[in-house]
Amino acid sequence: MTRSRLALSFGEKLDLDLVVGDAPPPATGAVVVPQDVHLILGEVGPLEDTRETPEQVLAASAQDRPKKPGSIVVAPAREGSPLLVQAIVYDFDRTPPAREVHVFEALLAAFEEARTRGLRSLAVQPLGTAHAGLDPARFLGLLAQVCYSSAEMGTTLRRVHLLLPSPEELVRYEVLLQTLVERRGGRKPSA
């Protein structure tokens, strides 16, 4: 796992940092991953009946009522693993498939879920930035806004990790984080 030298502090209550890896840092209470309204994109929770083939699972999900964009689905907890929080941010029947309002609502819901469960650390994958969705800079701005609001309103979270897939994305998000801070006239991220 690679961790950025940059971190953004929201008072003395909450820090946002950037990490690269397939798994979240140790002691992370939950991981927020992007998902679509039919729950067929990316990571999914454990299947109840493991005798079903992947094709049967996909066919069954197509018959289910779509989830509401901006909501979250929390997979059953697995011993020794962080909670999996699926953020419903994609609807491929719409153009663009991801909208800012849905990403913002899903982030709010995920942070509220973390607060309700008393979690101290949360890892968040970029939400809504793939499939011609949100600009990564806009996503980072939304994440920073939710971090700030959560810190001000008294969250149990102390650290939020933006979980990135590659060192190249880490460099990209370091530049975006630096730009975000400078544009808002705030202090520079800690190094």
N, C-alpha and C. Protein backbone atom coordinates (compact mmCIF):
# COMPACT_ATOMS: atom_id res chain seq x y z
N MET A 1 0.85 -1.18 0.00
CA MET A 1 0.00 0.00 0.00
C MET A 1 0.89 1.24 0.00
N THR A 2 0.53 2.18 -0.84
CA THR A 2 1.25 3.45 -0.92
C THR A 2 0.36 4.54 -0.35
N ARG A 3 0.94 5.38 0.47
CA ARG A 3 0.19 6.48 1.09
C ARG A 3 0.81 7.80 0.63
N SER A 4 -0.03 8.75 0.29
CA SER A 4 0.44 10.07 -0.13
C SER A 4 1.06 10.81 1.05
N ARG A 5 1.96 11.71 0.75
CA ARG A 5 2.52 12.58 1.79
C ARG A 5 1.52 13.68 2.14
N LEU A 6 0.52 13.88 1.28
CA LEU A 6 -0.47 14.93 1.52
C LEU A 6 -1.66 14.40 2.29
N ALA A 7 -2.18 15.21 3.18
CA ALA A 7 -3.42 14.92 3.89
C ALA A 7 -4.09 16.26 4.15
N LEU A 8 -5.39 16.25 4.19
CA LEU A 8 -6.15 17.47 4.45
C LEU A 8 -6.86 17.29 5.78
N SER A 9 -6.63 18.22 6.70
CA SER A 9 -7.25 18.15 8.03
C SER A 9 -8.45 19.08 8.08
N PHE A 10 -9.50 18.60 8.69
CA PHE A 10 -10.70 19.39 8.93
C PHE A 10 -10.75 19.66 10.42
N GLY A 11 -10.11 20.75 10.82
CA GLY A 11 -9.95 21.04 12.24
C GLY A 11 -9.05 19.98 12.85
N GLU A 12 -9.33 19.67 14.08
CA GLU A 12 -8.56 18.61 14.75
C GLU A 12 -9.36 17.33 14.82
N LYS A 13 -10.46 17.28 14.08
CA LYS A 13 -11.39 16.17 14.22
C LYS A 13 -11.27 15.09 13.16
N LEU A 14 -10.93 15.49 11.92
CA LEU A 14 -11.02 14.54 10.81
C LEU A 14 -9.93 14.84 9.79
N ASP A 15 -9.27 13.78 9.29
CA ASP A 15 -8.24 13.91 8.25
C ASP A 15 -8.66 13.12 7.03
N LEU A 16 -8.38 13.68 5.86
CA LEU A 16 -8.59 13.01 4.57
C LEU A 16 -7.21 12.75 3.98
N ASP A 17 -6.92 11.48 3.67
CA ASP A 17 -5.65 11.17 3.03
C ASP A 17 -5.88 10.35 1.77
N LEU A 18 -4.83 10.20 0.99
CA LEU A 18 -4.88 9.48 -0.27
C LEU A 18 -4.02 8.23 -0.15
N VAL A 19 -4.58 7.07 -0.53
CA VAL A 19 -3.83 5.82 -0.47
C VAL A 19 -4.05 5.04 -1.76
N VAL A 20 -3.07 4.22 -2.11
CA VAL A 20 -3.16 3.35 -3.28
C VAL A 20 -3.14 1.92 -2.78
N GLY A 21 -4.03 1.10 -3.31
CA GLY A 21 -4.03 -0.30 -2.95
C GLY A 21 -5.33 -0.97 -3.30
N ASP A 22 -5.29 -2.30 -3.30
CA ASP A 22 -6.50 -3.07 -3.55
C ASP A 22 -7.35 -3.18 -2.30
N ALA A 23 -6.72 -3.05 -1.16
CA ALA A 23 -7.43 -3.17 0.11
C ALA A 23 -7.22 -1.89 0.92
N PRO A 24 -8.15 -1.60 1.80
CA PRO A 24 -8.01 -0.40 2.63
C PRO A 24 -6.94 -0.58 3.69
N PRO A 25 -6.47 0.52 4.28
CA PRO A 25 -5.51 0.42 5.37
C PRO A 25 -6.08 -0.39 6.54
N PRO A 26 -5.20 -0.98 7.36
CA PRO A 26 -5.66 -1.72 8.54
C PRO A 26 -6.54 -0.83 9.43
N ALA A 27 -7.44 -1.45 10.12
CA ALA A 27 -8.35 -0.80 11.07
C ALA A 27 -9.40 0.09 10.40
N THR A 28 -9.59 -0.08 9.09
CA THR A 28 -10.65 0.65 8.39
C THR A 28 -11.97 -0.03 8.71
N GLY A 29 -12.95 0.77 9.12
CA GLY A 29 -14.24 0.20 9.52
C GLY A 29 -15.15 -0.15 8.37
N ALA A 30 -15.06 0.60 7.26
CA ALA A 30 -15.93 0.35 6.11
C ALA A 30 -15.26 0.86 4.85
N VAL A 31 -15.64 0.24 3.73
CA VAL A 31 -15.16 0.66 2.41
C VAL A 31 -16.38 1.03 1.57
N VAL A 32 -16.35 2.22 0.98
CA VAL A 32 -17.44 2.69 0.13
C VAL A 32 -17.01 2.49 -1.32
N VAL A 33 -17.81 1.73 -2.07
CA VAL A 33 -17.49 1.42 -3.47
C VAL A 33 -18.63 1.88 -4.37
N PRO A 34 -18.32 2.24 -5.62
CA PRO A 34 -19.38 2.65 -6.54
C PRO A 34 -20.19 1.46 -7.00
N GLN A 35 -21.47 1.70 -7.23
CA GLN A 35 -22.38 0.64 -7.66
C GLN A 35 -23.45 1.27 -8.55
N ASP A 36 -24.09 0.43 -9.36
CA ASP A 36 -25.17 0.92 -10.21
C ASP A 36 -26.53 0.54 -9.62
N VAL A 37 -27.59 1.06 -10.22
CA VAL A 37 -28.93 0.88 -9.65
C VAL A 37 -29.39 -0.57 -9.64
N HIS A 38 -28.76 -1.43 -10.46
CA HIS A 38 -29.14 -2.85 -10.51
C HIS A 38 -28.20 -3.75 -9.71
N LEU A 39 -27.23 -3.15 -9.03
CA LEU A 39 -26.27 -3.89 -8.19
C LEU A 39 -25.49 -4.94 -8.96
N ILE A 40 -25.06 -4.61 -10.18
CA ILE A 40 -24.28 -5.57 -10.96
C ILE A 40 -22.88 -5.06 -11.30
N LEU A 41 -22.55 -3.86 -10.87
CA LEU A 41 -21.25 -3.26 -11.19
C LEU A 41 -20.30 -3.45 -10.02
N GLY A 42 -19.06 -3.79 -10.32
CA GLY A 42 -18.03 -3.79 -9.28
C GLY A 42 -18.24 -4.83 -8.20
N GLU A 43 -17.80 -4.45 -6.99
CA GLU A 43 -17.85 -5.36 -5.85
C GLU A 43 -19.28 -5.55 -5.38
N VAL A 44 -19.58 -6.77 -5.00
CA VAL A 44 -20.88 -7.07 -4.42
C VAL A 44 -20.65 -7.85 -3.14
N GLY A 45 -21.65 -7.85 -2.31
CA GLY A 45 -21.57 -8.60 -1.07
C GLY A 45 -21.70 -10.09 -1.34
N PRO A 46 -21.56 -10.89 -0.31
CA PRO A 46 -21.67 -12.34 -0.49
C PRO A 46 -23.08 -12.73 -0.94
N LEU A 47 -23.13 -13.73 -1.80
CA LEU A 47 -24.42 -14.22 -2.28
C LEU A 47 -25.00 -15.16 -1.23
N GLU A 48 -26.32 -15.10 -1.10
CA GLU A 48 -26.96 -15.96 -0.10
C GLU A 48 -26.97 -17.41 -0.55
N ASP A 49 -27.28 -17.66 -1.83
CA ASP A 49 -27.31 -19.01 -2.35
C ASP A 49 -26.16 -19.16 -3.34
N THR A 50 -25.09 -19.78 -2.91
CA THR A 50 -23.89 -19.87 -3.75
C THR A 50 -24.03 -20.91 -4.86
N ARG A 51 -25.15 -21.59 -4.94
CA ARG A 51 -25.36 -22.55 -6.02
C ARG A 51 -25.78 -21.86 -7.31
N GLU A 52 -26.11 -20.56 -7.25
CA GLU A 52 -26.50 -19.84 -8.45
C GLU A 52 -25.28 -19.50 -9.28
N THR A 53 -25.44 -19.58 -10.59
CA THR A 53 -24.36 -19.18 -11.48
C THR A 53 -24.35 -17.66 -11.59
N PRO A 54 -23.23 -17.08 -12.01
CA PRO A 54 -23.21 -15.62 -12.21
C PRO A 54 -24.31 -15.14 -13.17
N GLU A 55 -24.59 -15.94 -14.20
CA GLU A 55 -25.64 -15.57 -15.16
C GLU A 55 -27.01 -15.52 -14.48
N GLN A 56 -27.27 -16.48 -13.59
CA GLN A 56 -28.54 -16.49 -12.86
C GLN A 56 -28.65 -15.29 -11.93
N VAL A 57 -27.56 -14.92 -11.30
CA VAL A 57 -27.56 -13.76 -10.41
C VAL A 57 -27.86 -12.50 -11.21
N LEU A 58 -27.21 -12.34 -12.37
CA LEU A 58 -27.46 -11.17 -13.22
C LEU A 58 -28.90 -11.14 -13.71
N ALA A 59 -29.43 -12.28 -14.12
CA ALA A 59 -30.82 -12.33 -14.59
C ALA A 59 -31.79 -11.98 -13.47
N ALA A 60 -31.53 -12.47 -12.28
CA ALA A 60 -32.40 -12.15 -11.14
C ALA A 60 -32.32 -10.68 -10.78
N SER A 61 -31.13 -10.11 -10.87
CA SER A 61 -31.00 -8.69 -10.52
C SER A 61 -31.73 -7.81 -11.52
N ALA A 62 -31.81 -8.24 -12.77
CA ALA A 62 -32.52 -7.46 -13.79
C ALA A 62 -34.02 -7.42 -13.49
N GLN A 63 -34.53 -8.43 -12.80
CA GLN A 63 -35.95 -8.47 -12.46
C GLN A 63 -36.26 -7.67 -11.21
N ASP A 64 -35.27 -7.44 -10.37
CA ASP A 64 -35.47 -6.66 -9.15
C ASP A 64 -35.70 -5.20 -9.48
N ARG A 65 -36.39 -4.54 -8.59
CA ARG A 65 -36.61 -3.11 -8.74
C ARG A 65 -35.28 -2.38 -8.56
N PRO A 66 -34.96 -1.44 -9.45
CA PRO A 66 -33.68 -0.72 -9.32
C PRO A 66 -33.60 0.05 -8.01
N LYS A 67 -32.39 0.16 -7.49
CA LYS A 67 -32.16 0.96 -6.28
C LYS A 67 -32.18 2.43 -6.65
N LYS A 68 -32.45 3.27 -5.67
CA LYS A 68 -32.53 4.71 -5.89
C LYS A 68 -31.13 5.30 -6.00
N PRO A 69 -30.84 6.04 -7.09
CA PRO A 69 -29.55 6.71 -7.17
C PRO A 69 -29.35 7.65 -5.98
N GLY A 70 -28.15 7.62 -5.43
CA GLY A 70 -27.85 8.44 -4.26
C GLY A 70 -28.01 7.70 -2.95
N SER A 71 -28.54 6.49 -3.00
CA SER A 71 -28.71 5.69 -1.78
C SER A 71 -27.49 4.79 -1.60
N ILE A 72 -27.49 4.04 -0.52
CA ILE A 72 -26.42 3.07 -0.27
C ILE A 72 -27.04 1.72 0.05
N VAL A 73 -26.27 0.68 -0.18
CA VAL A 73 -26.63 -0.68 0.21
C VAL A 73 -25.47 -1.21 1.03
N VAL A 74 -25.75 -1.64 2.25
CA VAL A 74 -24.71 -2.15 3.14
C VAL A 74 -24.77 -3.67 3.11
N ALA A 75 -23.66 -4.28 2.69
CA ALA A 75 -23.58 -5.74 2.64
C ALA A 75 -23.46 -6.28 4.06
N PRO A 76 -23.90 -7.51 4.27
CA PRO A 76 -23.74 -8.11 5.60
C PRO A 76 -22.27 -8.12 6.01
N ALA A 77 -22.03 -7.85 7.28
CA ALA A 77 -20.66 -7.80 7.81
C ALA A 77 -20.02 -9.18 7.74
N ARG A 78 -18.73 -9.18 7.39
CA ARG A 78 -17.96 -10.43 7.38
C ARG A 78 -16.86 -10.30 8.42
N GLU A 79 -16.69 -11.30 9.22
CA GLU A 79 -15.70 -11.29 10.29
C GLU A 79 -14.31 -10.98 9.74
N GLY A 80 -13.65 -10.00 10.35
CA GLY A 80 -12.30 -9.65 9.97
C GLY A 80 -12.18 -8.75 8.75
N SER A 81 -13.29 -8.36 8.16
CA SER A 81 -13.27 -7.49 6.98
C SER A 81 -14.03 -6.21 7.27
N PRO A 82 -13.62 -5.12 6.62
CA PRO A 82 -14.40 -3.89 6.78
C PRO A 82 -15.79 -4.07 6.17
N LEU A 83 -16.72 -3.32 6.67
CA LEU A 83 -18.07 -3.30 6.14
C LEU A 83 -18.02 -2.83 4.69
N LEU A 84 -18.80 -3.44 3.80
CA LEU A 84 -18.86 -3.02 2.40
C LEU A 84 -20.11 -2.16 2.21
N VAL A 85 -19.89 -0.90 1.84
CA VAL A 85 -20.99 0.04 1.59
C VAL A 85 -21.00 0.33 0.10
N GLN A 86 -22.07 -0.09 -0.57
CA GLN A 86 -22.20 0.13 -2.00
C GLN A 86 -22.97 1.43 -2.22
N ALA A 87 -22.31 2.40 -2.86
CA ALA A 87 -22.92 3.70 -3.14
C ALA A 87 -23.57 3.64 -4.53
N ILE A 88 -24.87 3.82 -4.57
CA ILE A 88 -25.61 3.73 -5.83
C ILE A 88 -25.44 5.06 -6.57
N VAL A 89 -24.46 5.11 -7.47
CA VAL A 89 -24.15 6.36 -8.17
C VAL A 89 -24.28 6.25 -9.69
N TYR A 90 -24.47 5.06 -10.22
CA TYR A 90 -24.58 4.90 -11.67
C TYR A 90 -25.97 4.41 -12.06
N ASP A 91 -26.52 5.00 -13.11
CA ASP A 91 -27.74 4.53 -13.75
C ASP A 91 -27.47 4.60 -15.24
N PHE A 92 -27.21 3.46 -15.85
CA PHE A 92 -26.81 3.43 -17.25
C PHE A 92 -27.98 3.63 -18.21
N ASP A 93 -29.18 3.82 -17.68
CA ASP A 93 -30.32 4.20 -18.52
C ASP A 93 -30.38 5.71 -18.69
N ARG A 94 -29.50 6.44 -18.04
CA ARG A 94 -29.47 7.91 -18.11
C ARG A 94 -28.14 8.37 -18.70
N THR A 95 -28.17 9.58 -19.23
CA THR A 95 -26.95 10.22 -19.73
C THR A 95 -26.82 11.57 -19.07
N PRO A 96 -25.74 11.84 -18.39
CA PRO A 96 -24.62 10.94 -18.07
C PRO A 96 -25.06 9.90 -17.05
N PRO A 97 -24.34 8.79 -16.97
CA PRO A 97 -24.75 7.72 -16.06
C PRO A 97 -24.57 8.05 -14.58
N ALA A 98 -23.70 9.01 -14.27
CA ALA A 98 -23.50 9.43 -12.87
C ALA A 98 -23.74 10.92 -12.78
N ARG A 99 -24.47 11.33 -11.75
CA ARG A 99 -24.77 12.75 -11.55
C ARG A 99 -24.25 13.20 -10.21
N GLU A 100 -23.87 14.46 -10.19
CA GLU A 100 -23.28 15.05 -8.99
C GLU A 100 -24.19 14.89 -7.77
N VAL A 101 -25.46 15.16 -7.94
CA VAL A 101 -26.39 15.09 -6.81
C VAL A 101 -26.42 13.69 -6.21
N HIS A 102 -26.35 12.66 -7.06
CA HIS A 102 -26.41 11.29 -6.55
C HIS A 102 -25.12 10.91 -5.83
N VAL A 103 -23.99 11.38 -6.33
CA VAL A 103 -22.72 11.13 -5.65
C VAL A 103 -22.73 11.81 -4.28
N PHE A 104 -23.19 13.06 -4.24
CA PHE A 104 -23.25 13.80 -2.98
C PHE A 104 -24.17 13.10 -1.98
N GLU A 105 -25.36 12.70 -2.43
CA GLU A 105 -26.30 12.01 -1.53
C GLU A 105 -25.73 10.69 -1.02
N ALA A 106 -25.05 9.95 -1.89
CA ALA A 106 -24.46 8.67 -1.47
C ALA A 106 -23.34 8.89 -0.46
N LEU A 107 -22.53 9.92 -0.67
CA LEU A 107 -21.48 10.24 0.30
C LEU A 107 -22.09 10.60 1.65
N LEU A 108 -23.12 11.44 1.63
CA LEU A 108 -23.80 11.80 2.89
C LEU A 108 -24.33 10.56 3.60
N ALA A 109 -24.97 9.68 2.83
CA ALA A 109 -25.54 8.46 3.42
C ALA A 109 -24.45 7.56 3.99
N ALA A 110 -23.32 7.43 3.29
CA ALA A 110 -22.22 6.59 3.77
C ALA A 110 -21.61 7.15 5.05
N PHE A 111 -21.43 8.47 5.10
CA PHE A 111 -20.87 9.09 6.30
C PHE A 111 -21.85 8.97 7.48
N GLU A 112 -23.14 9.07 7.20
CA GLU A 112 -24.13 8.91 8.26
C GLU A 112 -24.14 7.46 8.77
N GLU A 113 -24.00 6.51 7.86
CA GLU A 113 -23.92 5.10 8.25
C GLU A 113 -22.70 4.87 9.15
N ALA A 114 -21.58 5.48 8.78
CA ALA A 114 -20.36 5.36 9.60
C ALA A 114 -20.57 5.97 10.98
N ARG A 115 -21.23 7.13 11.03
CA ARG A 115 -21.50 7.78 12.32
C ARG A 115 -22.42 6.92 13.17
N THR A 116 -23.47 6.39 12.57
CA THR A 116 -24.43 5.55 13.29
C THR A 116 -23.75 4.31 13.88
N ARG A 117 -22.81 3.75 13.15
CA ARG A 117 -22.11 2.54 13.61
C ARG A 117 -20.90 2.86 14.49
N GLY A 118 -20.61 4.14 14.68
CA GLY A 118 -19.49 4.54 15.53
C GLY A 118 -18.12 4.25 14.94
N LEU A 119 -18.04 4.23 13.61
CA LEU A 119 -16.76 3.93 12.95
C LEU A 119 -15.80 5.10 13.07
N ARG A 120 -14.52 4.80 13.14
CA ARG A 120 -13.50 5.85 13.25
C ARG A 120 -12.72 6.04 11.95
N SER A 121 -12.79 5.07 11.04
CA SER A 121 -12.04 5.16 9.79
C SER A 121 -12.89 4.62 8.64
N LEU A 122 -12.83 5.33 7.51
CA LEU A 122 -13.64 4.99 6.34
C LEU A 122 -12.77 5.11 5.10
N ALA A 123 -12.81 4.11 4.23
CA ALA A 123 -12.12 4.20 2.94
C ALA A 123 -13.18 4.42 1.87
N VAL A 124 -12.89 5.32 0.93
CA VAL A 124 -13.84 5.65 -0.13
C VAL A 124 -13.13 5.54 -1.47
N GLN A 125 -13.65 4.70 -2.35
CA GLN A 125 -13.16 4.68 -3.71
C GLN A 125 -13.77 5.87 -4.45
N PRO A 126 -13.13 6.38 -5.51
CA PRO A 126 -13.75 7.46 -6.28
C PRO A 126 -15.14 7.03 -6.76
N LEU A 127 -16.13 7.85 -6.50
CA LEU A 127 -17.51 7.54 -6.84
C LEU A 127 -17.97 8.36 -8.04
N GLY A 128 -18.50 7.67 -9.05
CA GLY A 128 -19.10 8.36 -10.18
C GLY A 128 -18.12 8.92 -11.19
N THR A 129 -16.84 8.63 -11.07
CA THR A 129 -15.84 9.23 -11.96
C THR A 129 -15.55 8.38 -13.19
N ALA A 130 -16.01 7.15 -13.24
CA ALA A 130 -15.80 6.29 -14.40
C ALA A 130 -17.01 6.38 -15.33
N HIS A 131 -16.92 5.76 -16.48
CA HIS A 131 -18.04 5.65 -17.42
C HIS A 131 -18.59 7.01 -17.85
N ALA A 132 -17.71 7.95 -18.15
CA ALA A 132 -18.10 9.31 -18.60
C ALA A 132 -18.95 10.01 -17.55
N GLY A 133 -18.62 9.80 -16.30
CA GLY A 133 -19.36 10.42 -15.20
C GLY A 133 -18.74 11.73 -14.77
N LEU A 134 -18.64 11.92 -13.45
CA LEU A 134 -18.11 13.15 -12.87
C LEU A 134 -16.63 13.34 -13.14
N ASP A 135 -16.25 14.59 -13.21
CA ASP A 135 -14.84 14.95 -13.26
C ASP A 135 -14.23 14.61 -11.90
N PRO A 136 -13.06 13.99 -11.85
CA PRO A 136 -12.44 13.66 -10.57
C PRO A 136 -12.28 14.86 -9.63
N ALA A 137 -12.01 16.04 -10.19
CA ALA A 137 -11.88 17.24 -9.35
C ALA A 137 -13.20 17.55 -8.65
N ARG A 138 -14.31 17.36 -9.35
CA ARG A 138 -15.61 17.63 -8.74
C ARG A 138 -15.91 16.60 -7.65
N PHE A 139 -15.57 15.32 -7.92
CA PHE A 139 -15.77 14.31 -6.88
C PHE A 139 -14.96 14.65 -5.63
N LEU A 140 -13.70 15.03 -5.81
CA LEU A 140 -12.86 15.37 -4.66
C LEU A 140 -13.44 16.55 -3.90
N GLY A 141 -13.99 17.53 -4.62
CA GLY A 141 -14.64 18.66 -3.97
C GLY A 141 -15.84 18.23 -3.14
N LEU A 142 -16.64 17.32 -3.67
CA LEU A 142 -17.79 16.81 -2.92
C LEU A 142 -17.35 16.04 -1.68
N LEU A 143 -16.32 15.20 -1.84
CA LEU A 143 -15.81 14.44 -0.69
C LEU A 143 -15.29 15.38 0.39
N ALA A 144 -14.56 16.41 0.00
CA ALA A 144 -14.04 17.39 0.97
C ALA A 144 -15.19 18.12 1.66
N GLN A 145 -16.23 18.44 0.91
CA GLN A 145 -17.39 19.13 1.48
C GLN A 145 -18.08 18.25 2.53
N VAL A 146 -18.25 16.98 2.23
CA VAL A 146 -18.89 16.06 3.18
C VAL A 146 -17.99 15.84 4.39
N CYS A 147 -16.69 15.75 4.18
CA CYS A 147 -15.75 15.63 5.32
C CYS A 147 -15.87 16.85 6.23
N TYR A 148 -15.88 18.03 5.64
CA TYR A 148 -15.98 19.27 6.42
C TYR A 148 -17.28 19.31 7.22
N SER A 149 -18.39 19.03 6.55
CA SER A 149 -19.70 19.04 7.23
C SER A 149 -19.75 18.02 8.35
N SER A 150 -19.22 16.84 8.10
CA SER A 150 -19.22 15.79 9.12
C SER A 150 -18.39 16.18 10.33
N ALA A 151 -17.23 16.78 10.09
CA ALA A 151 -16.38 17.23 11.20
C ALA A 151 -17.08 18.30 12.01
N GLU A 152 -17.75 19.22 11.34
CA GLU A 152 -18.44 20.31 12.03
C GLU A 152 -19.64 19.80 12.83
N MET A 153 -20.29 18.76 12.34
CA MET A 153 -21.51 18.26 13.00
C MET A 153 -21.22 17.18 14.03
N GLY A 154 -19.96 16.82 14.19
CA GLY A 154 -19.61 15.86 15.23
C GLY A 154 -19.69 14.41 14.81
N THR A 155 -18.85 14.02 13.89
CA THR A 155 -18.79 12.63 13.45
C THR A 155 -17.88 11.81 14.37
N THR A 156 -18.06 10.51 14.34
CA THR A 156 -17.14 9.61 15.04
C THR A 156 -15.91 9.34 14.19
N LEU A 157 -15.99 9.63 12.89
CA LEU A 157 -14.86 9.39 11.99
C LEU A 157 -13.69 10.29 12.35
N ARG A 158 -12.50 9.73 12.29
CA ARG A 158 -11.28 10.49 12.51
C ARG A 158 -10.40 10.50 11.26
N ARG A 159 -10.58 9.50 10.39
CA ARG A 159 -9.77 9.43 9.18
C ARG A 159 -10.63 8.88 8.04
N VAL A 160 -10.51 9.57 6.89
CA VAL A 160 -11.12 9.11 5.65
C VAL A 160 -9.99 8.89 4.65
N HIS A 161 -9.95 7.69 4.08
CA HIS A 161 -8.93 7.34 3.10
C HIS A 161 -9.58 7.35 1.72
N LEU A 162 -9.07 8.15 0.80
CA LEU A 162 -9.50 8.05 -0.59
C LEU A 162 -8.66 6.94 -1.20
N LEU A 163 -9.30 5.82 -1.49
CA LEU A 163 -8.63 4.60 -1.93
C LEU A 163 -8.53 4.60 -3.46
N LEU A 164 -7.32 4.74 -3.96
CA LEU A 164 -7.08 4.89 -5.39
C LEU A 164 -6.48 3.62 -5.99
N PRO A 165 -6.77 3.36 -7.28
CA PRO A 165 -6.34 2.09 -7.87
C PRO A 165 -4.89 2.02 -8.34
N SER A 166 -4.22 3.16 -8.52
CA SER A 166 -2.87 3.11 -9.09
C SER A 166 -2.03 4.30 -8.63
N PRO A 167 -0.70 4.16 -8.73
CA PRO A 167 0.17 5.30 -8.42
C PRO A 167 -0.10 6.51 -9.32
N GLU A 168 -0.49 6.26 -10.56
CA GLU A 168 -0.82 7.37 -11.47
C GLU A 168 -2.02 8.15 -10.96
N GLU A 169 -3.01 7.46 -10.47
CA GLU A 169 -4.19 8.13 -9.90
C GLU A 169 -3.81 8.89 -8.63
N LEU A 170 -2.87 8.35 -7.86
CA LEU A 170 -2.41 9.04 -6.67
C LEU A 170 -1.81 10.40 -7.04
N VAL A 171 -0.95 10.42 -8.04
CA VAL A 171 -0.35 11.68 -8.50
C VAL A 171 -1.44 12.64 -8.96
N ARG A 172 -2.38 12.12 -9.73
CA ARG A 172 -3.49 12.96 -10.22
C ARG A 172 -4.27 13.59 -9.08
N TYR A 173 -4.63 12.78 -8.08
CA TYR A 173 -5.43 13.29 -6.97
C TYR A 173 -4.62 14.18 -6.03
N GLU A 174 -3.30 13.97 -5.95
CA GLU A 174 -2.47 14.90 -5.17
C GLU A 174 -2.53 16.30 -5.77
N VAL A 175 -2.44 16.39 -7.09
CA VAL A 175 -2.54 17.68 -7.78
C VAL A 175 -3.92 18.28 -7.58
N LEU A 176 -4.96 17.46 -7.69
CA LEU A 176 -6.33 17.96 -7.49
C LEU A 176 -6.55 18.46 -6.07
N LEU A 177 -6.01 17.73 -5.09
CA LEU A 177 -6.15 18.14 -3.69
C LEU A 177 -5.43 19.47 -3.45
N GLN A 178 -4.24 19.59 -3.98
CA GLN A 178 -3.48 20.84 -3.84
C GLN A 178 -4.25 22.00 -4.47
N THR A 179 -4.79 21.79 -5.67
CA THR A 179 -5.56 22.82 -6.38
C THR A 179 -6.82 23.19 -5.61
N LEU A 180 -7.50 22.20 -5.06
CA LEU A 180 -8.72 22.44 -4.30
C LEU A 180 -8.45 23.35 -3.11
N VAL A 181 -7.40 23.07 -2.39
CA VAL A 181 -7.05 23.87 -1.21
C VAL A 181 -6.67 25.29 -1.62
N GLU A 182 -5.87 25.42 -2.66
CA GLU A 182 -5.43 26.74 -3.10
C GLU A 182 -6.59 27.58 -3.62
N ARG A 183 -7.53 26.96 -4.33
CA ARG A 183 -8.68 27.68 -4.86
C ARG A 183 -9.60 28.18 -3.76
N ARG A 184 -9.70 27.43 -2.71
CA ARG A 184 -10.58 27.83 -1.60
C ARG A 184 -9.88 28.78 -0.64
N GLY A 185 -8.65 29.13 -0.96
CA GLY A 185 -7.92 30.08 -0.12
C GLY A 185 -7.55 29.54 1.23
N GLY A 186 -7.55 28.23 1.35
CA GLY A 186 -7.21 27.62 2.64
C GLY A 186 -5.73 27.36 2.77
N ARG A 187 -5.39 26.70 3.83
CA ARG A 187 -3.99 26.37 4.06
C ARG A 187 -3.62 25.18 3.18
N LYS A 188 -2.38 25.03 2.98
CA LYS A 188 -1.89 23.93 2.16
C LYS A 188 -2.09 22.62 2.92
N PRO A 189 -2.34 21.53 2.16
CA PRO A 189 -2.44 20.24 2.83
C PRO A 189 -1.14 19.93 3.55
N SER A 190 -1.26 19.18 4.63
CA SER A 190 -0.06 18.81 5.37
C SER A 190 0.72 17.76 4.59
N ALA A 191 2.02 17.85 4.67
CA ALA A 191 2.86 16.89 3.94
C ALA A 191 3.58 16.00 4.91
